PDB file of N, CA and C in Angstrom:
ATOM      1  N   MET A   1       7.367 -13.927  -9.601  1.00  0.00           N
ATOM      2  CA  MET A   1       8.486 -12.696  -8.617  1.00  0.00           C
ATOM      3  C   MET A   1       9.203 -13.159  -7.981  1.00  0.00           C
ATOM      4  N   GLU A   2      10.141 -13.392  -7.373  1.00  0.00           N
ATOM      5  CA  GLU A   2      10.940 -13.317  -6.336  1.00  0.00           C
ATOM      6  C   GLU A   2      11.179 -12.239  -5.673  1.00  0.00           C
ATOM      7  N   PHE A   3      10.519 -12.302  -3.867  1.00  0.00           N
ATOM      8  CA  PHE A   3      10.487 -11.401  -3.723  1.00  0.00           C
ATOM      9  C   PHE A   3      11.327 -11.529  -2.628  1.00  0.00           C
ATOM     10  N   LEU A   4      12.191 -10.263  -1.885  1.00  0.00           N
ATOM     11  CA  LEU A   4      13.169  -9.957  -1.314  1.00  0.00           C
ATOM     12  C   LEU A   4      12.303  -9.844   0.270  1.00  0.00           C
ATOM     13  N   VAL A   5      11.368 -10.259   0.429  1.00  0.00           N
ATOM     14  CA  VAL A   5      10.866 -10.125   1.640  1.00  0.00           C
ATOM     15  C   VAL A   5      10.207 -10.740   2.257  1.00  0.00           C
ATOM     16  N   ARG A   6       9.140 -11.298   3.292  1.00  0.00           N
ATOM     17  CA  ARG A   6       7.739 -11.925   2.827  1.00  0.00           C
ATOM     18  C   ARG A   6       7.586 -12.239   4.674  1.00  0.00           C
ATOM     19  N   ILE A   7       6.135 -10.703   4.656  1.00  0.00           N
ATOM     20  CA  ILE A   7       5.534 -10.830   5.476  1.00  0.00           C
ATOM     21  C   ILE A   7       4.978 -11.166   5.013  1.00  0.00           C
ATOM     22  N   GLN A   8       3.890 -11.854   5.274  1.00  0.00           N
ATOM     23  CA  GLN A   8       2.402 -12.037   5.112  1.00  0.00           C
ATOM     24  C   GLN A   8       1.306 -12.717   6.489  1.00  0.00           C
ATOM     25  N   ALA A   9      -0.411 -11.713   5.981  1.00  0.00           N
ATOM     26  CA  ALA A   9      -1.202 -11.414   7.582  1.00  0.00           C
ATOM     27  C   ALA A   9      -0.087 -10.745   8.217  1.00  0.00           C
ATOM     28  N   ALA A  10       0.963 -10.509   8.470  1.00  0.00           N
ATOM     29  CA  ALA A  10       0.515  -9.420   9.249  1.00  0.00           C
ATOM     30  C   ALA A  10      -0.038  -8.401   9.612  1.00  0.00           C
ATOM     31  N   ILE A  11       0.147  -8.222  11.623  1.00  0.00           N
ATOM     32  CA  ILE A  11      -0.954  -7.115  11.475  1.00  0.00           C
ATOM     33  C   ILE A  11       0.123  -6.045  12.125  1.00  0.00           C
ATOM     34  N   LEU A  12       0.186  -4.979  11.165  1.00  0.00           N
ATOM     35  CA  LEU A  12       0.975  -3.514  11.397  1.00  0.00           C
ATOM     36  C   LEU A  12      -0.080  -2.860  11.648  1.00  0.00           C
ATOM     37  N   THR A  13      -0.826  -3.243  11.934  1.00  0.00           N
ATOM     38  CA  THR A  13      -1.923  -2.105  12.270  1.00  0.00           C
ATOM     39  C   THR A  13      -1.567  -0.655  12.408  1.00  0.00           C
ATOM     40  N   GLY A  14      -1.129   0.492  12.791  1.00  0.00           N
ATOM     41  CA  GLY A  14      -0.798   1.919  13.191  1.00  0.00           C
ATOM     42  C   GLY A  14       0.285   2.128  12.841  1.00  0.00           C
ATOM     43  N   ALA A  15       1.370   0.858  12.119  1.00  0.00           N
ATOM     44  CA  ALA A  15       2.806   1.245  12.358  1.00  0.00           C
ATOM     45  C   ALA A  15       3.217   1.724  11.727  1.00  0.00           C
ATOM     46  N   ASN A  16       4.679   2.927  11.996  1.00  0.00           N
ATOM     47  CA  ASN A  16       5.324   3.991  11.818  1.00  0.00           C
ATOM     48  C   ASN A  16       6.014   3.444   9.861  1.00  0.00           C
ATOM     49  N   LEU A  17       5.752   3.474   9.058  1.00  0.00           N
ATOM     50  CA  LEU A  17       6.828   2.535   7.981  1.00  0.00           C
ATOM     51  C   LEU A  17       6.901   3.886   6.593  1.00  0.00           C
ATOM     52  N   THR A  18       7.395   4.766   8.202  1.00  0.00           N
ATOM     53  CA  THR A  18       7.231   5.626   6.757  1.00  0.00           C
ATOM     54  C   THR A  18       8.817   5.890   6.443  1.00  0.00           C
ATOM     55  N   GLU A  19       8.997   5.777   4.814  1.00  0.00           N
ATOM     56  CA  GLU A  19      10.347   5.727   4.992  1.00  0.00           C
ATOM     57  C   GLU A  19      10.792   4.680   4.306  1.00  0.00           C
ATOM     58  N   ALA A  20       9.800   3.417   4.009  1.00  0.00           N
ATOM     59  CA  ALA A  20      10.709   2.229   4.071  1.00  0.00           C
ATOM     60  C   ALA A  20      10.567   2.133   3.046  1.00  0.00           C
ATOM     61  N   ASP A  21      11.527   1.154   2.708  1.00  0.00           N
ATOM     62  CA  ASP A  21      12.187   0.160   1.736  1.00  0.00           C
ATOM     63  C   ASP A  21      10.928  -1.425   1.916  1.00  0.00           C
ATOM     64  N   LEU A  22      10.477  -1.576   0.786  1.00  0.00           N
ATOM     65  CA  LEU A  22       9.319  -2.905   0.623  1.00  0.00           C
ATOM     66  C   LEU A  22       9.500  -2.946  -0.634  1.00  0.00           C
ATOM     67  N   ASN A  23       9.963  -1.899  -1.723  1.00  0.00           N
ATOM     68  CA  ASN A  23      10.235  -2.381  -2.920  1.00  0.00           C
ATOM     69  C   ASN A  23      10.587  -4.185  -2.672  1.00  0.00           C
ATOM     70  N   LYS A  24       9.251  -4.856  -4.222  1.00  0.00           N
ATOM     71  CA  LYS A  24       9.881  -6.158  -3.775  1.00  0.00           C
ATOM     72  C   LYS A  24       9.407  -7.385  -3.352  1.00  0.00           C
ATOM     73  N   ALA A  25       8.802  -6.236  -2.119  1.00  0.00           N
ATOM     74  CA  ALA A  25       7.906  -7.834  -0.100  1.00  0.00           C
ATOM     75  C   ALA A  25       7.342  -7.667  -0.589  1.00  0.00           C
ATOM     76  N   SER A  26       6.678  -8.691  -0.585  1.00  0.00           N
ATOM     77  CA  SER A  26       5.531  -9.633   0.029  1.00  0.00           C
ATOM     78  C   SER A  26       4.694  -9.570   1.688  1.00  0.00           C
ATOM     79  N   LEU A  27       3.176  -8.610   1.112  1.00  0.00           N
ATOM     80  CA  LEU A  27       2.570  -8.528   2.715  1.00  0.00           C
ATOM     81  C   LEU A  27       1.409  -8.025   2.344  1.00  0.00           C
ATOM     82  N   ALA A  28       1.158 -10.255   1.722  1.00  0.00           N
ATOM     83  CA  ALA A  28       0.312 -10.157   1.192  1.00  0.00           C
ATOM     84  C   ALA A  28      -1.344 -11.283   2.679  1.00  0.00           C
ATOM     85  N   GLU A  29      -1.884 -10.582   2.042  1.00  0.00           N
ATOM     86  CA  GLU A  29      -3.649 -11.065   2.861  1.00  0.00           C
ATOM     87  C   GLU A  29      -3.217  -9.946   4.545  1.00  0.00           C
ATOM     88  N   SER A  30      -1.945  -8.605   3.882  1.00  0.00           N
ATOM     89  CA  SER A  30      -1.551  -8.324   5.402  1.00  0.00           C
ATOM     90  C   SER A  30      -2.426  -6.710   6.049  1.00  0.00           C
ATOM     91  N   SER A  31      -2.245  -6.501   7.488  1.00  0.00           N
ATOM     92  CA  SER A  31      -3.582  -5.584   7.847  1.00  0.00           C
ATOM     93  C   SER A  31      -1.667  -4.128   8.087  1.00  0.00           C
ATOM     94  N   LEU A  32      -2.610  -3.035   7.387  1.00  0.00           N
ATOM     95  CA  LEU A  32      -2.192  -1.762   7.279  1.00  0.00           C
ATOM     96  C   LEU A  32      -3.142  -0.503   7.930  1.00  0.00           C
ATOM     97  N   HIS A  33      -3.767  -1.204   8.581  1.00  0.00           N
ATOM     98  CA  HIS A  33      -4.885  -0.858   9.335  1.00  0.00           C
ATOM     99  C   HIS A  33      -4.267   0.561  10.074  1.00  0.00           C
ATOM    100  N   GLU A  34      -4.417   2.233   9.773  1.00  0.00           N
ATOM    101  CA  GLU A  34      -3.540   3.316   9.900  1.00  0.00           C
ATOM    102  C   GLU A  34      -2.631   3.365  10.204  1.00  0.00           C
ATOM    103  N   ALA A  35      -1.603   2.319   8.896  1.00  0.00           N
ATOM    104  CA  ALA A  35      -0.504   2.173   9.005  1.00  0.00           C
ATOM    105  C   ALA A  35       0.133   3.961   8.511  1.00  0.00           C
ATOM    106  N   ASN A  36       1.398   4.570   9.179  1.00  0.00           N
ATOM    107  CA  ASN A  36       1.849   5.625   7.865  1.00  0.00           C
ATOM    108  C   ASN A  36       2.738   4.883   6.519  1.00  0.00           C
ATOM    109  N   LEU A  37       2.063   5.122   5.960  1.00  0.00           N
ATOM    110  CA  LEU A  37       2.754   4.678   4.792  1.00  0.00           C
ATOM    111  C   LEU A  37       3.800   5.854   4.123  1.00  0.00           C
ATOM    112  N   THR A  38       3.801   6.699   4.656  1.00  0.00           N
ATOM    113  CA  THR A  38       4.410   8.806   3.860  1.00  0.00           C
ATOM    114  C   THR A  38       5.612   7.789   3.340  1.00  0.00           C
ATOM    115  N   ASN A  39       5.852   8.410   2.373  1.00  0.00           N
ATOM    116  CA  ASN A  39       7.753   8.143   0.943  1.00  0.00           C
ATOM    117  C   ASN A  39       7.708   6.617   1.485  1.00  0.00           C
ATOM    118  N   ALA A  40       6.516   5.713   1.247  1.00  0.00           N
ATOM    119  CA  ALA A  40       7.705   4.294   1.622  1.00  0.00           C
ATOM    120  C   ALA A  40       7.368   3.546   0.330  1.00  0.00           C
ATOM    121  N   LYS A  41       8.850   2.917  -0.406  1.00  0.00           N
ATOM    122  CA  LYS A  41       8.408   2.809  -1.517  1.00  0.00           C
ATOM    123  C   LYS A  41       8.090   1.396  -1.276  1.00  0.00           C
ATOM    124  N   MET A  42       7.374   1.033  -2.504  1.00  0.00           N
ATOM    125  CA  MET A  42       6.890  -0.157  -2.644  1.00  0.00           C
ATOM    126  C   MET A  42       5.945  -0.647  -3.496  1.00  0.00           C
ATOM    127  N   SER A  43       7.023  -0.143  -4.928  1.00  0.00           N
ATOM    128  CA  SER A  43       6.944  -0.667  -6.246  1.00  0.00           C
ATOM    129  C   SER A  43       7.240  -1.945  -6.134  1.00  0.00           C
ATOM    130  N   GLU A  44       6.763  -3.394  -7.474  1.00  0.00           N
ATOM    131  CA  GLU A  44       6.511  -4.593  -7.509  1.00  0.00           C
ATOM    132  C   GLU A  44       6.182  -4.676  -6.524  1.00  0.00           C
ATOM    133  N   THR A  45       5.757  -4.069  -4.894  1.00  0.00           N
ATOM    134  CA  THR A  45       5.533  -4.897  -3.527  1.00  0.00           C
ATOM    135  C   THR A  45       3.764  -5.811  -4.128  1.00  0.00           C
ATOM    136  N   SER A  46       4.065  -6.500  -3.353  1.00  0.00           N
ATOM    137  CA  SER A  46       2.791  -7.682  -3.763  1.00  0.00           C
ATOM    138  C   SER A  46       1.582  -7.768  -2.171  1.00  0.00           C
ATOM    139  N   ILE A  47       0.559  -6.691  -2.285  1.00  0.00           N
ATOM    140  CA  ILE A  47      -0.191  -6.650  -1.419  1.00  0.00           C
ATOM    141  C   ILE A  47      -1.294  -7.494  -1.399  1.00  0.00           C
ATOM    142  N   GLY A  48      -1.601  -8.246  -2.089  1.00  0.00           N
ATOM    143  CA  GLY A  48      -2.618  -8.989  -2.339  1.00  0.00           C
ATOM    144  C   GLY A  48      -4.026  -8.050  -1.450  1.00  0.00           C
ATOM    145  N   SER A  49      -4.528  -8.896  -0.579  1.00  0.00           N
ATOM    146  CA  SER A  49      -5.853  -8.455   0.003  1.00  0.00           C
ATOM    147  C   SER A  49      -5.913  -7.719   1.236  1.00  0.00           C
ATOM    148  N   PRO A  50      -5.402  -6.300   0.844  1.00  0.00           N
ATOM    149  CA  PRO A  50      -4.412  -6.159   1.779  1.00  0.00           C
ATOM    150  C   PRO A  50      -6.082  -4.709   2.862  1.00  0.00           C
ATOM    151  N   CYS A  51      -5.949  -4.583   3.582  1.00  0.00           N
ATOM    152  CA  CYS A  51      -6.825  -3.881   4.515  1.00  0.00           C
ATOM    153  C   CYS A  51      -5.813  -2.652   5.433  1.00  0.00           C
ATOM    154  N   LEU A  52      -6.273  -1.558   4.143  1.00  0.00           N
ATOM    155  CA  LEU A  52      -5.385   0.078   4.308  1.00  0.00           C
ATOM    156  C   LEU A  52      -6.057   1.159   4.325  1.00  0.00           C
ATOM    157  N   THR A  53      -7.185   0.047   5.682  1.00  0.00           N
ATOM    158  CA  THR A  53      -8.233   1.809   5.795  1.00  0.00           C
ATOM    159  C   THR A  53      -7.556   2.732   6.982  1.00  0.00           C
ATOM    160  N   GLY A  54      -8.132   3.704   6.626  1.00  0.00           N
ATOM    161  CA  GLY A  54      -6.401   5.253   7.395  1.00  0.00           C
ATOM    162  C   GLY A  54      -5.371   5.117   7.218  1.00  0.00           C
ATOM    163  N   ALA A  55      -4.889   4.806   6.347  1.00  0.00           N
ATOM    164  CA  ALA A  55      -3.505   4.097   6.059  1.00  0.00           C
ATOM    165  C   ALA A  55      -3.097   5.718   5.044  1.00  0.00           C
ATOM    166  N   ASN A  56      -1.896   6.033   5.488  1.00  0.00           N
ATOM    167  CA  ASN A  56      -1.739   7.199   5.013  1.00  0.00           C
ATOM    168  C   ASN A  56      -0.298   6.495   3.591  1.00  0.00           C
ATOM    169  N   LEU A  57      -1.009   7.022   2.573  1.00  0.00           N
ATOM    170  CA  LEU A  57       0.465   6.884   1.476  1.00  0.00           C
ATOM    171  C   LEU A  57       0.504   7.834   0.832  1.00  0.00           C
ATOM    172  N   THR A  58       1.085   8.637   1.425  1.00  0.00           N
ATOM    173  CA  THR A  58       0.764   9.711   0.885  1.00  0.00           C
ATOM    174  C   THR A  58       3.191   9.601  -0.330  1.00  0.00           C
ATOM    175  N   ASN A  59       3.020   9.973  -1.517  1.00  0.00           N
ATOM    176  CA  ASN A  59       4.326  10.239  -1.816  1.00  0.00           C
ATOM    177  C   ASN A  59       4.724   8.526  -1.649  1.00  0.00           C
ATOM    178  N   VAL A  60       3.374   8.288  -1.892  1.00  0.00           N
ATOM    179  CA  VAL A  60       4.050   6.477  -1.740  1.00  0.00           C
ATOM    180  C   VAL A  60       4.262   5.676  -3.259  1.00  0.00           C
ATOM    181  N   ASP A  61       5.100   5.096  -3.764  1.00  0.00           N
ATOM    182  CA  ASP A  61       5.417   4.590  -5.596  1.00  0.00           C
ATOM    183  C   ASP A  61       4.974   3.265  -5.186  1.00  0.00           C
ATOM    184  N   LEU A  62       3.646   2.767  -5.854  1.00  0.00           N
ATOM    185  CA  LEU A  62       2.553   1.267  -6.260  1.00  0.00           C
ATOM    186  C   LEU A  62       3.042   1.351  -7.182  1.00  0.00           C
ATOM    187  N   SER A  63       4.390   1.616  -8.161  1.00  0.00           N
ATOM    188  CA  SER A  63       4.143   1.144  -9.255  1.00  0.00           C
ATOM    189  C   SER A  63       4.666  -0.093  -9.924  1.00  0.00           C
ATOM    190  N   SER A  64       4.208  -1.000 -10.489  1.00  0.00           N
ATOM    191  CA  SER A  64       3.585  -2.686 -10.528  1.00  0.00           C
ATOM    192  C   SER A  64       3.636  -2.830 -10.078  1.00  0.00           C
ATOM    193  N   ALA A  65       2.838  -2.649  -7.828  1.00  0.00           N
ATOM    194  CA  ALA A  65       3.151  -3.221  -7.415  1.00  0.00           C
ATOM    195  C   ALA A  65       1.831  -4.052  -7.714  1.00  0.00           C
ATOM    196  N   TRP A  66       1.363  -5.148  -6.770  1.00  0.00           N
ATOM    197  CA  TRP A  66       0.284  -6.020  -7.098  1.00  0.00           C
ATOM    198  C   TRP A  66      -1.104  -6.125  -6.000  1.00  0.00           C
ATOM    199  N   ILE A  67      -2.206  -5.234  -6.420  1.00  0.00           N
ATOM    200  CA  ILE A  67      -3.135  -5.296  -5.056  1.00  0.00           C
ATOM    201  C   ILE A  67      -4.288  -5.559  -5.414  1.00  0.00           C
ATOM    202  N   ASP A  68      -5.059  -6.280  -4.700  1.00  0.00           N
ATOM    203  CA  ASP A  68      -6.336  -6.793  -5.181  1.00  0.00           C
ATOM    204  C   ASP A  68      -7.365  -6.023  -4.252  1.00  0.00           C
ATOM    205  N   LEU A  69      -8.039  -4.939  -4.953  1.00  0.00           N
ATOM    206  CA  LEU A  69      -8.885  -4.522  -4.803  1.00  0.00           C
ATOM    207  C   LEU A  69     -10.264  -3.721  -5.753  1.00  0.00           C
ATOM    208  N   PRO A  70     -10.643  -5.067  -5.684  1.00  0.00           N
ATOM    209  CA  PRO A  70     -12.069  -4.545  -6.822  1.00  0.00           C
ATOM    210  C   PRO A  70     -12.716  -3.445  -6.455  1.00  0.00           C
ATOM    211  N   ASP A  71     -12.700  -2.589  -6.775  1.00  0.00           N
ATOM    212  CA  ASP A  71     -13.795  -0.894  -7.829  1.00  0.00           C
ATOM    213  C   ASP A  71     -12.453  -0.119  -7.213  1.00  0.00           C
ATOM    214  N   GLY A  72     -10.886  -0.126  -7.248  1.00  0.00           N
ATOM    215  CA  GLY A  72     -10.059   0.370  -7.174  1.00  0.00           C
ATOM    216  C   GLY A  72     -10.175   1.035  -5.324  1.00  0.00           C
ATOM    217  N   ILE A  73     -10.097   2.132  -5.083  1.00  0.00           N
ATOM    218  CA  ILE A  73     -10.103   3.533  -3.947  1.00  0.00           C
ATOM    219  C   ILE A  73     -11.234   3.561  -3.462  1.00  0.00           C
ATOM    220  N   ASP A  74     -12.897   2.797  -4.322  1.00  0.00           N
ATOM    221  CA  ASP A  74     -13.859   3.161  -3.739  1.00  0.00           C
ATOM    222  C   ASP A  74     -14.326   1.177  -2.990  1.00  0.00           C
ATOM    223  N   ASN A  75     -12.756   0.417  -3.471  1.00  0.00           N
ATOM    224  CA  ASN A  75     -13.343  -0.449  -2.588  1.00  0.00           C
ATOM    225  C   ASN A  75     -13.628  -0.620  -0.309  1.00  0.00           C
ATOM    226  N   PRO A  76     -13.950  -0.724   0.273  1.00  0.00           N
ATOM    227  CA  PRO A  76     -14.340  -0.380   1.416  1.00  0.00           C
ATOM    228  C   PRO A  76     -12.851  -0.487   2.172  1.00  0.00           C
ATOM    229  N   ARG A  77     -12.207  -1.406   1.688  1.00  0.00           N
ATOM    230  CA  ARG A  77     -11.201  -2.218   2.080  1.00  0.00           C
ATOM    231  C   ARG A  77      -9.786  -0.677   2.302  1.00  0.00           C
ATOM    232  N   VAL A  78      -9.764   0.359   1.464  1.00  0.00           N
ATOM    233  CA  VAL A  78      -9.304   1.394   1.564  1.00  0.00           C
ATOM    234  C   VAL A  78     -10.115   2.691   2.215  1.00  0.00           C
ATOM    235  N   ALA A  79     -11.341   2.792   2.989  1.00  0.00           N
ATOM    236  CA  ALA A  79     -11.791   3.100   3.337  1.00  0.00           C
ATOM    237  C   ALA A  79     -10.839   4.314   4.162  1.00  0.00           C
ATOM    238  N   GLY A  80     -11.164   6.375   3.983  1.00  0.00           N
ATOM    239  CA  GLY A  80     -10.728   6.570   4.988  1.00  0.00           C
ATOM    240  C   GLY A  80      -8.775   7.017   4.491  1.00  0.00           C
ATOM    241  N   ALA A  81      -8.504   5.769   3.406  1.00  0.00           N
ATOM    242  CA  ALA A  81      -7.010   5.610   3.412  1.00  0.00           C
ATOM    243  C   ALA A  81      -6.214   7.414   2.913  1.00  0.00           C
ATOM    244  N   ILE A  82      -5.509   7.662   2.544  1.00  0.00           N
ATOM    245  CA  ILE A  82      -5.173   9.153   2.110  1.00  0.00           C
ATOM    246  C   ILE A  82      -3.886   9.045   0.852  1.00  0.00           C
ATOM    247  N   PHE A  83      -4.295   9.226  -0.486  1.00  0.00           N
ATOM    248  CA  PHE A  83      -3.753   9.099  -1.164  1.00  0.00           C
ATOM    249  C   PHE A  83      -3.306  10.059  -2.191  1.00  0.00           C
ATOM    250  N   CYS A  84      -2.091  10.543  -2.009  1.00  0.00           N
ATOM    251  CA  CYS A  84      -1.918  11.767  -1.871  1.00  0.00           C
ATOM    252  C   CYS A  84      -0.089  12.028  -3.111  1.00  0.00           C
ATOM    253  N   ASN A  85      -0.377  12.674  -4.192  1.00  0.00           N
ATOM    254  CA  ASN A  85       0.964  12.305  -5.083  1.00  0.00           C
ATOM    255  C   ASN A  85       1.084  10.396  -4.784  1.00  0.00           C
ATOM    256  N   THR A  86       0.575   9.741  -5.168  1.00  0.00           N
ATOM    257  CA  THR A  86       0.577   8.295  -5.253  1.00  0.00           C
ATOM    258  C   THR A  86       0.470   8.214  -6.419  1.00  0.00           C
ATOM    259  N   ILE A  87       1.799   7.141  -6.468  1.00  0.00           N
ATOM    260  CA  ILE A  87       2.005   6.571  -8.247  1.00  0.00           C
ATOM    261  C   ILE A  87       1.095   5.251  -7.460  1.00  0.00           C
ATOM    262  N   MET A  88       0.188   4.826  -8.748  1.00  0.00           N
ATOM    263  CA  MET A  88      -0.800   3.807  -8.462  1.00  0.00           C
ATOM    264  C   MET A  88      -0.297   2.151  -9.011  1.00  0.00           C
ATOM    265  N   PRO A  89      -0.443   1.044  -8.910  1.00  0.00           N
ATOM    266  CA  PRO A  89      -0.003   0.432 -10.257  1.00  0.00           C
ATOM    267  C   PRO A  89       0.122   0.417 -11.000  1.00  0.00           C
ATOM    268  N   ASP A  90      -0.749   0.849 -12.096  1.00  0.00           N
ATOM    269  CA  ASP A  90      -0.899   1.774 -13.618  1.00  0.00           C
ATOM    270  C   ASP A  90      -0.092   2.806 -14.314  1.00  0.00           C
ATOM    271  N   GLY A  91       1.072   2.943 -13.234  1.00  0.00           N
ATOM    272  CA  GLY A  91       1.906   4.335 -13.351  1.00  0.00           C
ATOM    273  C   GLY A  91       0.726   5.699 -13.169  1.00  0.00           C
ATOM    274  N   THR A  92      -0.726   5.348 -12.916  1.00  0.00           N
ATOM    275  CA  THR A  92      -1.007   6.299 -12.728  1.00  0.00           C
ATOM    276  C   THR A  92      -0.977   7.232 -11.064  1.00  0.00           C
ATOM    277  N   LYS A  93      -0.764   8.393 -10.909  1.00  0.00           N
ATOM    278  CA  LYS A  93      -0.831   9.530  -9.985  1.00  0.00           C
ATOM    279  C   LYS A  93      -2.379   9.692  -9.653  1.00  0.00           C
ATOM    280  N   ILE A  94      -2.224   9.638  -8.072  1.00  0.00           N
ATOM    281  CA  ILE A  94      -3.233  10.320  -7.601  1.00  0.00           C
ATOM    282  C   ILE A  94      -2.907  11.720  -6.913  1.00  0.00           C
ATOM    283  N   LYS A  95      -3.417  12.298  -7.426  1.00  0.00           N
ATOM    284  CA  LYS A  95      -2.952  14.205  -6.331  1.00  0.00           C
ATOM    285  C   LYS A  95      -3.401  14.085  -4.797  1.00  0.00           C
ATOM    286  N   SER A  96      -4.391  13.573  -5.084  1.00  0.00           N
ATOM    287  CA  SER A  96      -4.842  13.700  -3.548  1.00  0.00           C
ATOM    288  C   SER A  96      -6.286  13.031  -3.598  1.00  0.00           C
ATOM    289  N   PHE A  97      -6.836  12.277  -2.615  1.00  0.00           N
ATOM    290  CA  PHE A  97      -7.367  11.566  -2.379  1.00  0.00           C
ATOM    291  C   PHE A  97      -7.881  11.120  -1.113  1.00  0.00           C
ATOM    292  N   PHE A  98      -9.283  11.492  -0.179  1.00  0.00           N
ATOM    293  CA  PHE A  98      -9.359  11.283   1.139  1.00  0.00           C
ATOM    294  C   PHE A  98     -10.627  10.759   1.322  1.00  0.00           C
TER     295      PHE A  98
END
């Protein structure tokens, strides 16, 4: 896959990425701890092994995104993350999970 933007191993802790267009971006190994990603466009984004603890993923489209999360949303790297109307990489929609 060719990425439009590569932001690798970035520390984006607490970043306000509301409505950011991150489609086809590579955020591999980045920390998005407590980041606000509300309404962000993230389809086909490669997140790799992210730290999403406490992140807000409300209304985020992660369809066709690549996220390395063994155990899915039960993985400790997403503890406390907000998933509300979030479209997951497999196309399923999580109505709410806090």
